[in-house]
Amino acid sequence: MRKLLLSVVMIAALLGTAGCKKTSPYSDDAKMRAMKAAYELLHIDPTDTFAMQQCIVKAAAVRSRYKLMGDTLAVADFNRAYQATIEKRNARLAKDIFK
């Protein structure tokens, strides 16, 4: 009975920690840089497509820093923050970019 109880407690503890959100030491930095890159894009004149394209490439270069480090969590955080910031401020632009 005691072994069964101990086993149940251990399984519950393992399942409880499995749902915890994992973060990277660079997650906050990635989110901050993503929001900055998104705001830079949002402040460009929408008719200047060349400048917008350059800004998007610049954001991809920032994201690639985390990718080169092998930090997939920071890359995912960057992507989510970048997209969420653009969607929040300009849904129409976000629709065009993130089809």
PDB file of N, CA and C in Angstrom:
ATOM      1  N   MET A   1       0.827  -1.195   0.000  1.00  0.00           N
ATOM      2  CA  MET A   1       0.000   0.000   0.000  1.00  0.00           C
ATOM      3  C   MET A   1       0.868   1.254   0.000  1.00  0.00           C
ATOM      4  N   ARG A   2       1.912   1.233   0.801  1.00  0.00           N
ATOM      5  CA  ARG A   2       2.793   2.392   0.893  1.00  0.00           C
ATOM      6  C   ARG A   2       3.515   2.620  -0.435  1.00  0.00           C
ATOM      7  N   LYS A   3       3.948   1.534  -1.090  1.00  0.00           N
ATOM      8  CA  LYS A   3       4.620   1.657  -2.379  1.00  0.00           C
ATOM      9  C   LYS A   3       3.668   2.211  -3.436  1.00  0.00           C
ATOM     10  N   LEU A   4       2.432   1.782  -3.379  1.00  0.00           N
ATOM     11  CA  LEU A   4       1.439   2.264  -4.328  1.00  0.00           C
ATOM     12  C   LEU A   4       1.209   3.759  -4.143  1.00  0.00           C
ATOM     13  N   LEU A   5       1.078   4.190  -2.899  1.00  0.00           N
ATOM     14  CA  LEU A   5       0.873   5.601  -2.605  1.00  0.00           C
ATOM     15  C   LEU A   5       2.070   6.421  -3.062  1.00  0.00           C
ATOM     16  N   LEU A   6       3.268   5.924  -2.776  1.00  0.00           N
ATOM     17  CA  LEU A   6       4.484   6.616  -3.185  1.00  0.00           C
ATOM     18  C   LEU A   6       4.567   6.708  -4.711  1.00  0.00           C
ATOM     19  N   SER A   7       4.198   5.641  -5.384  1.00  0.00           N
ATOM     20  CA  SER A   7       4.210   5.633  -6.854  1.00  0.00           C
ATOM     21  C   SER A   7       3.225   6.651  -7.419  1.00  0.00           C
ATOM     22  N   VAL A   8       2.039   6.707  -6.840  1.00  0.00           N
ATOM     23  CA  VAL A   8       1.025   7.657  -7.302  1.00  0.00           C
ATOM     24  C   VAL A   8       1.500   9.091  -7.093  1.00  0.00           C
ATOM     25  N   VAL A   9       2.107   9.367  -5.954  1.00  0.00           N
ATOM     26  CA  VAL A   9       2.616  10.711  -5.659  1.00  0.00           C
ATOM     27  C   VAL A   9       3.729  11.082  -6.637  1.00  0.00           C
ATOM     28  N   MET A  10       4.628  10.145  -6.924  1.00  0.00           N
ATOM     29  CA  MET A  10       5.731  10.411  -7.847  1.00  0.00           C
ATOM     30  C   MET A  10       5.211  10.673  -9.266  1.00  0.00           C
ATOM     31  N   ILE A  11       4.247   9.893  -9.698  1.00  0.00           N
ATOM     32  CA  ILE A  11       3.677  10.091 -11.037  1.00  0.00           C
ATOM     33  C   ILE A  11       2.971  11.442 -11.114  1.00  0.00           C
ATOM     34  N   ALA A  12       2.242  11.793 -10.080  1.00  0.00           N
ATOM     35  CA  ALA A  12       1.555  13.083 -10.052  1.00  0.00           C
ATOM     36  C   ALA A  12       2.561  14.233 -10.093  1.00  0.00           C
ATOM     37  N   ALA A  13       3.664  14.084  -9.363  1.00  0.00           N
ATOM     38  CA  ALA A  13       4.695  15.122  -9.365  1.00  0.00           C
ATOM     39  C   ALA A  13       5.327  15.263 -10.745  1.00  0.00           C
ATOM     40  N   LEU A  14       5.596  14.158 -11.397  1.00  0.00           N
ATOM     41  CA  LEU A  14       6.183  14.204 -12.736  1.00  0.00           C
ATOM     42  C   LEU A  14       5.231  14.825 -13.745  1.00  0.00           C
ATOM     43  N   LEU A  15       3.971  14.474 -13.662  1.00  0.00           N
ATOM     44  CA  LEU A  15       2.987  15.049 -14.572  1.00  0.00           C
ATOM     45  C   LEU A  15       2.787  16.535 -14.308  1.00  0.00           C
ATOM     46  N   GLY A  16       2.889  16.930 -13.073  1.00  0.00           N
ATOM     47  CA  GLY A  16       2.744  18.339 -12.724  1.00  0.00           C
ATOM     48  C   GLY A  16       3.863  19.188 -13.282  1.00  0.00           C
ATOM     49  N   THR A  17       5.080  18.670 -13.270  1.00  0.00           N
ATOM     50  CA  THR A  17       6.200  19.444 -13.798  1.00  0.00           C
ATOM     51  C   THR A  17       6.256  19.407 -15.311  1.00  0.00           C
ATOM     52  N   ALA A  18       5.638  18.423 -15.925  1.00  0.00           N
ATOM     53  CA  ALA A  18       5.658  18.331 -17.390  1.00  0.00           C
ATOM     54  C   ALA A  18       4.904  19.485 -18.029  1.00  0.00           C
ATOM     55  N   GLY A  19       3.923  20.029 -17.347  1.00  0.00           N
ATOM     56  CA  GLY A  19       3.138  21.116 -17.902  1.00  0.00           C
ATOM     57  C   GLY A  19       3.741  22.490 -17.687  1.00  0.00           C
ATOM     58  N   CYS A  20       4.849  22.577 -16.976  1.00  0.00           N
ATOM     59  CA  CYS A  20       5.475  23.865 -16.711  1.00  0.00           C
ATOM     60  C   CYS A  20       6.033  24.455 -17.998  1.00  0.00           C
ATOM     61  N   LYS A  21       5.883  25.758 -18.152  1.00  0.00           N
ATOM     62  CA  LYS A  21       6.388  26.422 -19.338  1.00  0.00           C
ATOM     63  C   LYS A  21       7.903  26.531 -19.245  1.00  0.00           C
ATOM     64  N   LYS A  22       8.549  26.136 -20.308  1.00  0.00           N
ATOM     65  CA  LYS A  22       9.996  26.231 -20.355  1.00  0.00           C
ATOM     66  C   LYS A  22      10.360  27.585 -20.935  1.00  0.00           C
ATOM     67  N   THR A  23      11.407  28.176 -20.391  1.00  0.00           N
ATOM     68  CA  THR A  23      11.888  29.445 -20.917  1.00  0.00           C
ATOM     69  C   THR A  23      13.389  29.362 -21.114  1.00  0.00           C
ATOM     70  N   SER A  24      13.868  30.268 -21.889  1.00  0.00           N
ATOM     71  CA  SER A  24      15.288  30.370 -22.174  1.00  0.00           C
ATOM     72  C   SER A  24      15.848  31.545 -21.382  1.00  0.00           C
ATOM     73  N   PRO A  25      17.143  31.521 -21.084  1.00  0.00           N
ATOM     74  CA  PRO A  25      17.730  32.701 -20.434  1.00  0.00           C
ATOM     75  C   PRO A  25      17.664  33.933 -21.342  1.00  0.00           C
ATOM     76  N   TYR A  26      17.469  33.709 -22.628  1.00  0.00           N
ATOM     77  CA  TYR A  26      17.406  34.816 -23.583  1.00  0.00           C
ATOM     78  C   TYR A  26      15.976  35.184 -23.966  1.00  0.00           C
ATOM     79  N   SER A  27      14.986  34.580 -23.350  1.00  0.00           N
ATOM     80  CA  SER A  27      13.588  34.818 -23.725  1.00  0.00           C
ATOM     81  C   SER A  27      13.182  36.277 -23.579  1.00  0.00           C
ATOM     82  N   ASP A  28      13.515  36.888 -22.461  1.00  0.00           N
ATOM     83  CA  ASP A  28      13.139  38.289 -22.255  1.00  0.00           C
ATOM     84  C   ASP A  28      13.817  39.197 -23.274  1.00  0.00           C
ATOM     85  N   ASP A  29      15.097  38.931 -23.535  1.00  0.00           N
ATOM     86  CA  ASP A  29      15.833  39.714 -24.522  1.00  0.00           C
ATOM     87  C   ASP A  29      15.216  39.539 -25.908  1.00  0.00           C
ATOM     88  N   ALA A  30      14.862  38.312 -26.247  1.00  0.00           N
ATOM     89  CA  ALA A  30      14.254  38.033 -27.554  1.00  0.00           C
ATOM     90  C   ALA A  30      12.922  38.760 -27.695  1.00  0.00           C
ATOM     91  N   LYS A  31      12.111  38.748 -26.655  1.00  0.00           N
ATOM     92  CA  LYS A  31      10.813  39.431 -26.701  1.00  0.00           C
ATOM     93  C   LYS A  31      10.996  40.939 -26.867  1.00  0.00           C
ATOM     94  N   MET A  32      11.952  41.504 -26.127  1.00  0.00           N
ATOM     95  CA  MET A  32      12.202  42.940 -26.196  1.00  0.00           C
ATOM     96  C   MET A  32      12.674  43.336 -27.599  1.00  0.00           C
ATOM     97  N   ARG A  33      13.602  42.557 -28.150  1.00  0.00           N
ATOM     98  CA  ARG A  33      14.111  42.854 -29.494  1.00  0.00           C
ATOM     99  C   ARG A  33      13.023  42.664 -30.551  1.00  0.00           C
ATOM    100  N   ALA A  34      12.152  41.697 -30.349  1.00  0.00           N
ATOM    101  CA  ALA A  34      11.056  41.465 -31.293  1.00  0.00           C
ATOM    102  C   ALA A  34      10.082  42.636 -31.287  1.00  0.00           C
ATOM    103  N   MET A  35       9.747  43.125 -30.111  1.00  0.00           N
ATOM    104  CA  MET A  35       8.832  44.262 -30.031  1.00  0.00           C
ATOM    105  C   MET A  35       9.463  45.501 -30.657  1.00  0.00           C
ATOM    106  N   LYS A  36      10.756  45.693 -30.420  1.00  0.00           N
ATOM    107  CA  LYS A  36      11.455  46.836 -31.021  1.00  0.00           C
ATOM    108  C   LYS A  36      11.435  46.724 -32.545  1.00  0.00           C
ATOM    109  N   ALA A  37      11.720  45.534 -33.063  1.00  0.00           N
ATOM    110  CA  ALA A  37      11.707  45.322 -34.514  1.00  0.00           C
ATOM    111  C   ALA A  37      10.305  45.533 -35.085  1.00  0.00           C
ATOM    112  N   ALA A  38       9.296  45.094 -34.362  1.00  0.00           N
ATOM    113  CA  ALA A  38       7.914  45.271 -34.824  1.00  0.00           C
ATOM    114  C   ALA A  38       7.536  46.747 -34.848  1.00  0.00           C
ATOM    115  N   TYR A  39       7.912  47.488 -33.812  1.00  0.00           N
ATOM    116  CA  TYR A  39       7.594  48.917 -33.783  1.00  0.00           C
ATOM    117  C   TYR A  39       8.311  49.669 -34.900  1.00  0.00           C
ATOM    118  N   GLU A  40       9.546  49.247 -35.209  1.00  0.00           N
ATOM    119  CA  GLU A  40      10.258  49.871 -36.326  1.00  0.00           C
ATOM    120  C   GLU A  40       9.494  49.647 -37.629  1.00  0.00           C
ATOM    121  N   LEU A  41       8.985  48.451 -37.821  1.00  0.00           N
ATOM    122  CA  LEU A  41       8.214  48.147 -39.024  1.00  0.00           C
ATOM    123  C   LEU A  41       6.917  48.951 -39.062  1.00  0.00           C
ATOM    124  N   LEU A  42       6.278  49.076 -37.926  1.00  0.00           N
ATOM    125  CA  LEU A  42       4.993  49.775 -37.873  1.00  0.00           C
ATOM    126  C   LEU A  42       5.125  51.277 -38.134  1.00  0.00           C
ATOM    127  N   HIS A  43       6.318  51.824 -37.933  1.00  0.00           N
ATOM    128  CA  HIS A  43       6.512  53.259 -38.136  1.00  0.00           C
ATOM    129  C   HIS A  43       6.994  53.608 -39.544  1.00  0.00           C
ATOM    130  N   ILE A  44       7.045  52.625 -40.416  1.00  0.00           N
ATOM    131  CA  ILE A  44       7.442  52.872 -41.801  1.00  0.00           C
ATOM    132  C   ILE A  44       6.188  53.168 -42.616  1.00  0.00           C
ATOM    133  N   ASP A  45       6.328  54.091 -43.549  1.00  0.00           N
ATOM    134  CA  ASP A  45       5.224  54.424 -44.453  1.00  0.00           C
ATOM    135  C   ASP A  45       4.834  53.174 -45.243  1.00  0.00           C
ATOM    136  N   PRO A  46       3.581  52.760 -45.181  1.00  0.00           N
ATOM    137  CA  PRO A  46       3.156  51.525 -45.852  1.00  0.00           C
ATOM    138  C   PRO A  46       3.352  51.533 -47.369  1.00  0.00           C
ATOM    139  N   THR A  47       3.480  52.707 -47.960  1.00  0.00           N
ATOM    140  CA  THR A  47       3.705  52.758 -49.407  1.00  0.00           C
ATOM    141  C   THR A  47       5.171  52.519 -49.762  1.00  0.00           C
ATOM    142  N   ASP A  48       6.053  52.599 -48.785  1.00  0.00           N
ATOM    143  CA  ASP A  48       7.485  52.360 -49.010  1.00  0.00           C
ATOM    144  C   ASP A  48       7.783  50.877 -48.774  1.00  0.00           C
ATOM    145  N   THR A  49       7.448  50.077 -49.752  1.00  0.00           N
ATOM    146  CA  THR A  49       7.584  48.627 -49.593  1.00  0.00           C
ATOM    147  C   THR A  49       9.038  48.183 -49.486  1.00  0.00           C
ATOM    148  N   PHE A  50       9.951  48.926 -50.112  1.00  0.00           N
ATOM    149  CA  PHE A  50      11.368  48.571 -50.018  1.00  0.00           C
ATOM    150  C   PHE A  50      11.860  48.728 -48.581  1.00  0.00           C
ATOM    151  N   ALA A  51      11.496  49.819 -47.933  1.00  0.00           N
ATOM    152  CA  ALA A  51      11.901  50.038 -46.539  1.00  0.00           C
ATOM    153  C   ALA A  51      11.269  48.994 -45.625  1.00  0.00           C
ATOM    154  N   MET A  52      10.024  48.626 -45.916  1.00  0.00           N
ATOM    155  CA  MET A  52       9.368  47.597 -45.108  1.00  0.00           C
ATOM    156  C   MET A  52      10.074  46.257 -45.268  1.00  0.00           C
ATOM    157  N   GLN A  53      10.451  45.945 -46.502  1.00  0.00           N
ATOM    158  CA  GLN A  53      11.157  44.693 -46.752  1.00  0.00           C
ATOM    159  C   GLN A  53      12.499  44.677 -46.027  1.00  0.00           C
ATOM    160  N   GLN A  54      13.219  45.788 -46.061  1.00  0.00           N
ATOM    161  CA  GLN A  54      14.493  45.877 -45.348  1.00  0.00           C
ATOM    162  C   GLN A  54      14.298  45.673 -43.848  1.00  0.00           C
ATOM    163  N   CYS A  55      13.248  46.240 -43.311  1.00  0.00           N
ATOM    164  CA  CYS A  55      12.970  46.118 -41.882  1.00  0.00           C
ATOM    165  C   CYS A  55      12.643  44.675 -41.510  1.00  0.00           C
ATOM    166  N   ILE A  56      11.907  43.990 -42.353  1.00  0.00           N
ATOM    167  CA  ILE A  56      11.572  42.584 -42.095  1.00  0.00           C
ATOM    168  C   ILE A  56      12.829  41.719 -42.149  1.00  0.00           C
ATOM    169  N   VAL A  57      13.711  42.010 -43.106  1.00  0.00           N
ATOM    170  CA  VAL A  57      14.974  41.267 -43.203  1.00  0.00           C
ATOM    171  C   VAL A  57      15.841  41.534 -41.974  1.00  0.00           C
ATOM    172  N   LYS A  58      15.835  42.773 -41.503  1.00  0.00           N
ATOM    173  CA  LYS A  58      16.596  43.120 -40.299  1.00  0.00           C
ATOM    174  C   LYS A  58      16.062  42.352 -39.085  1.00  0.00           C
ATOM    175  N   ALA A  59      14.749  42.234 -38.984  1.00  0.00           N
ATOM    176  CA  ALA A  59      14.151  41.469 -37.881  1.00  0.00           C
ATOM    177  C   ALA A  59      14.536  39.998 -37.976  1.00  0.00           C
ATOM    178  N   ALA A  60      14.571  39.472 -39.192  1.00  0.00           N
ATOM    179  CA  ALA A  60      14.982  38.073 -39.384  1.00  0.00           C
ATOM    180  C   ALA A  60      16.439  37.876 -38.983  1.00  0.00           C
ATOM    181  N   ALA A  61      17.265  38.890 -39.219  1.00  0.00           N
ATOM    182  CA  ALA A  61      18.672  38.807 -38.815  1.00  0.00           C
ATOM    183  C   ALA A  61      18.804  38.784 -37.297  1.00  0.00           C
ATOM    184  N   VAL A  62      17.986  39.573 -36.626  1.00  0.00           N
ATOM    185  CA  VAL A  62      18.003  39.566 -35.157  1.00  0.00           C
ATOM    186  C   VAL A  62      17.565  38.201 -34.643  1.00  0.00           C
ATOM    187  N   ARG A  63      16.512  37.653 -35.228  1.00  0.00           N
ATOM    188  CA  ARG A  63      16.019  36.338 -34.829  1.00  0.00           C
ATOM    189  C   ARG A  63      17.065  35.253 -35.079  1.00  0.00           C
ATOM    190  N   SER A  64      17.836  35.416 -36.146  1.00  0.00           N
ATOM    191  CA  SER A  64      18.825  34.386 -36.484  1.00  0.00           C
ATOM    192  C   SER A  64      19.936  34.283 -35.446  1.00  0.00           C
ATOM    193  N   ARG A  65      20.160  35.333 -34.676  1.00  0.00           N
ATOM    194  CA  ARG A  65      21.157  35.252 -33.591  1.00  0.00           C
ATOM    195  C   ARG A  65      20.796  34.134 -32.616  1.00  0.00           C
ATOM    196  N   TYR A  66      19.537  34.083 -32.249  1.00  0.00           N
ATOM    197  CA  TYR A  66      19.083  33.052 -31.311  1.00  0.00           C
ATOM    198  C   TYR A  66      19.090  31.679 -31.979  1.00  0.00           C
ATOM    199  N   LYS A  67      18.769  31.669 -33.263  1.00  0.00           N
ATOM    200  CA  LYS A  67      18.764  30.406 -34.006  1.00  0.00           C
ATOM    201  C   LYS A  67      20.183  29.839 -34.110  1.00  0.00           C
ATOM    202  N   LEU A  68      21.161  30.700 -34.352  1.00  0.00           N
ATOM    203  CA  LEU A  68      22.552  30.260 -34.443  1.00  0.00           C
ATOM    204  C   LEU A  68      23.077  29.746 -33.107  1.00  0.00           C
ATOM    205  N   MET A  69      22.544  30.282 -32.022  1.00  0.00           N
ATOM    206  CA  MET A  69      22.923  29.792 -30.692  1.00  0.00           C
ATOM    207  C   MET A  69      22.243  28.465 -30.384  1.00  0.00           C
ATOM    208  N   GLY A  70      21.282  28.084 -31.204  1.00  0.00           N
ATOM    209  CA  GLY A  70      20.544  26.847 -30.968  1.00  0.00           C
ATOM    210  C   GLY A  70      19.453  26.994 -29.927  1.00  0.00           C
ATOM    211  N   ASP A  71      19.067  28.220 -29.643  1.00  0.00           N
ATOM    212  CA  ASP A  71      18.061  28.490 -28.616  1.00  0.00           C
ATOM    213  C   ASP A  71      16.671  28.562 -29.256  1.00  0.00           C
ATOM    214  N   THR A  72      16.067  27.413 -29.436  1.00  0.00           N
ATOM    215  CA  THR A  72      14.764  27.359 -30.101  1.00  0.00           C
ATOM    216  C   THR A  72      13.659  28.030 -29.288  1.00  0.00           C
ATOM    217  N   LEU A  73      13.798  28.039 -27.971  1.00  0.00           N
ATOM    218  CA  LEU A  73      12.788  28.705 -27.138  1.00  0.00           C
ATOM    219  C   LEU A  73      12.827  30.217 -27.346  1.00  0.00           C
ATOM    220  N   ALA A  74      14.025  30.784 -27.429  1.00  0.00           N
ATOM    221  CA  ALA A  74      14.149  32.222 -27.672  1.00  0.00           C
ATOM    222  C   ALA A  74      13.646  32.574 -29.070  1.00  0.00           C
ATOM    223  N   VAL A  75      13.906  31.715 -30.044  1.00  0.00           N
ATOM    224  CA  VAL A  75      13.405  31.937 -31.404  1.00  0.00           C
ATOM    225  C   VAL A  75      11.875  31.952 -31.393  1.00  0.00           C
ATOM    226  N   ALA A  76      11.288  30.999 -30.710  1.00  0.00           N
ATOM    227  CA  ALA A  76       9.825  30.931 -30.625  1.00  0.00           C
ATOM    228  C   ALA A  76       9.262  32.150 -29.901  1.00  0.00           C
ATOM    229  N   ASP A  77       9.923  32.578 -28.824  1.00  0.00           N
ATOM    230  CA  ASP A  77       9.475  33.775 -28.103  1.00  0.00           C
ATOM    231  C   ASP A  77       9.580  35.012 -28.988  1.00  0.00           C
ATOM    232  N   PHE A  78      10.663  35.104 -29.752  1.00  0.00           N
ATOM    233  CA  PHE A  78      10.828  36.223 -30.685  1.00  0.00           C
ATOM    234  C   PHE A  78       9.683  36.234 -31.692  1.00  0.00           C
ATOM    235  N   ASN A  79       9.424  35.088 -32.300  1.00  0.00           N
ATOM    236  CA  ASN A  79       8.369  34.997 -33.315  1.00  0.00           C
ATOM    237  C   ASN A  79       7.006  35.386 -32.755  1.00  0.00           C
ATOM    238  N   ARG A  80       6.686  34.866 -31.566  1.00  0.00           N
ATOM    239  CA  ARG A  80       5.382  35.173 -30.956  1.00  0.00           C
ATOM    240  C   ARG A  80       5.256  36.658 -30.630  1.00  0.00           C
ATOM    241  N   ALA A  81       6.301  37.237 -30.044  1.00  0.00           N
ATOM    242  CA  ALA A  81       6.245  38.648 -29.662  1.00  0.00           C
ATOM    243  C   ALA A  81       6.186  39.552 -30.890  1.00  0.00           C
ATOM    244  N   TYR A  82       6.949  39.216 -31.912  1.00  0.00           N
ATOM    245  CA  TYR A  82       6.964  40.009 -33.151  1.00  0.00           C
ATOM    246  C   TYR A  82       5.582  40.004 -33.796  1.00  0.00           C
ATOM    247  N   GLN A  83       5.018  38.823 -33.953  1.00  0.00           N
ATOM    248  CA  GLN A  83       3.711  38.703 -34.593  1.00  0.00           C
ATOM    249  C   GLN A  83       2.616  39.341 -33.741  1.00  0.00           C
ATOM    250  N   ALA A  84       2.648  39.104 -32.441  1.00  0.00           N
ATOM    251  CA  ALA A  84       1.608  39.653 -31.563  1.00  0.00           C
ATOM    252  C   ALA A  84       1.634  41.177 -31.548  1.00  0.00           C
ATOM    253  N   THR A  85       2.825  41.755 -31.555  1.00  0.00           N
ATOM    254  CA  THR A  85       2.937  43.211 -31.540  1.00  0.00           C
ATOM    255  C   THR A  85       2.370  43.807 -32.822  1.00  0.00           C
ATOM    256  N   ILE A  86       2.704  43.206 -33.946  1.00  0.00           N
ATOM    257  CA  ILE A  86       2.191  43.717 -35.221  1.00  0.00           C
ATOM    258  C   ILE A  86       0.681  43.509 -35.312  1.00  0.00           C
ATOM    259  N   GLU A  87       0.197  42.346 -34.880  1.00  0.00           N
ATOM    260  CA  GLU A  87      -1.252  42.083 -34.918  1.00  0.00           C
ATOM    261  C   GLU A  87      -2.017  43.059 -34.036  1.00  0.00           C
ATOM    262  N   LYS A  88      -1.446  43.389 -32.899  1.00  0.00           N
ATOM    263  CA  LYS A  88      -2.118  44.285 -31.953  1.00  0.00           C
ATOM    264  C   LYS A  88      -2.213  45.710 -32.507  1.00  0.00           C
ATOM    265  N   ARG A  89      -1.168  46.160 -33.185  1.00  0.00           N
ATOM    266  CA  ARG A  89      -1.118  47.545 -33.662  1.00  0.00           C
ATOM    267  C   ARG A  89      -1.694  47.752 -35.063  1.00  0.00           C
ATOM    268  N   ASN A  90      -1.551  46.731 -35.918  1.00  0.00           N
ATOM    269  CA  ASN A  90      -2.019  46.880 -37.292  1.00  0.00           C
ATOM    270  C   ASN A  90      -2.421  45.510 -37.830  1.00  0.00           C
ATOM    271  N   ALA A  91      -3.649  45.145 -37.596  1.00  0.00           N
ATOM    272  CA  ALA A  91      -4.137  43.810 -37.963  1.00  0.00           C
ATOM    273  C   ALA A  91      -4.085  43.580 -39.473  1.00  0.00           C
ATOM    274  N   ARG A  92      -4.330  44.624 -40.231  1.00  0.00           N
ATOM    275  CA  ARG A  92      -4.312  44.480 -41.698  1.00  0.00           C
ATOM    276  C   ARG A  92      -2.906  44.162 -42.206  1.00  0.00           C
ATOM    277  N   LEU A  93      -1.917  44.851 -41.674  1.00  0.00           N
ATOM    278  CA  LEU A  93      -0.530  44.578 -42.048  1.00  0.00           C
ATOM    279  C   LEU A  93      -0.134  43.172 -41.614  1.00  0.00           C
ATOM    280  N   ALA A  94      -0.536  42.794 -40.425  1.00  0.00           N
ATOM    281  CA  ALA A  94      -0.221  41.450 -39.920  1.00  0.00           C
ATOM    282  C   ALA A  94      -0.815  40.383 -40.824  1.00  0.00           C
ATOM    283  N   LYS A  95      -2.014  40.643 -41.310  1.00  0.00           N
ATOM    284  CA  LYS A  95      -2.667  39.680 -42.207  1.00  0.00           C
ATOM    285  C   LYS A  95      -1.860  39.511 -43.492  1.00  0.00           C
ATOM    286  N   ASP A  96      -1.307  40.611 -43.994  1.00  0.00           N
ATOM    287  CA  ASP A  96      -0.496  40.552 -45.214  1.00  0.00           C
ATOM    288  C   ASP A  96       0.839  39.852 -44.982  1.00  0.00           C
ATOM    289  N   ILE A  97       1.437  40.085 -43.838  1.00  0.00           N
ATOM    290  CA  ILE A  97       2.758  39.514 -43.555  1.00  0.00           C
ATOM    291  C   ILE A  97       2.662  38.047 -43.161  1.00  0.00           C
ATOM    292  N   PHE A  98       1.734  37.730 -42.280  1.00  0.00           N
ATOM    293  CA  PHE A  98       1.650  36.380 -41.706  1.00  0.00           C
ATOM    294  C   PHE A  98       0.501  35.584 -42.310  1.00  0.00           C
ATOM    295  N   LYS A  99       0.434  35.512 -43.608  1.00  0.00           N
ATOM    296  CA  LYS A  99      -0.645  34.791 -44.299  1.00  0.00           C
ATOM    297  C   LYS A  99      -0.689  33.344 -43.909  1.00  0.00           C
TER     298      LYS A  99
END
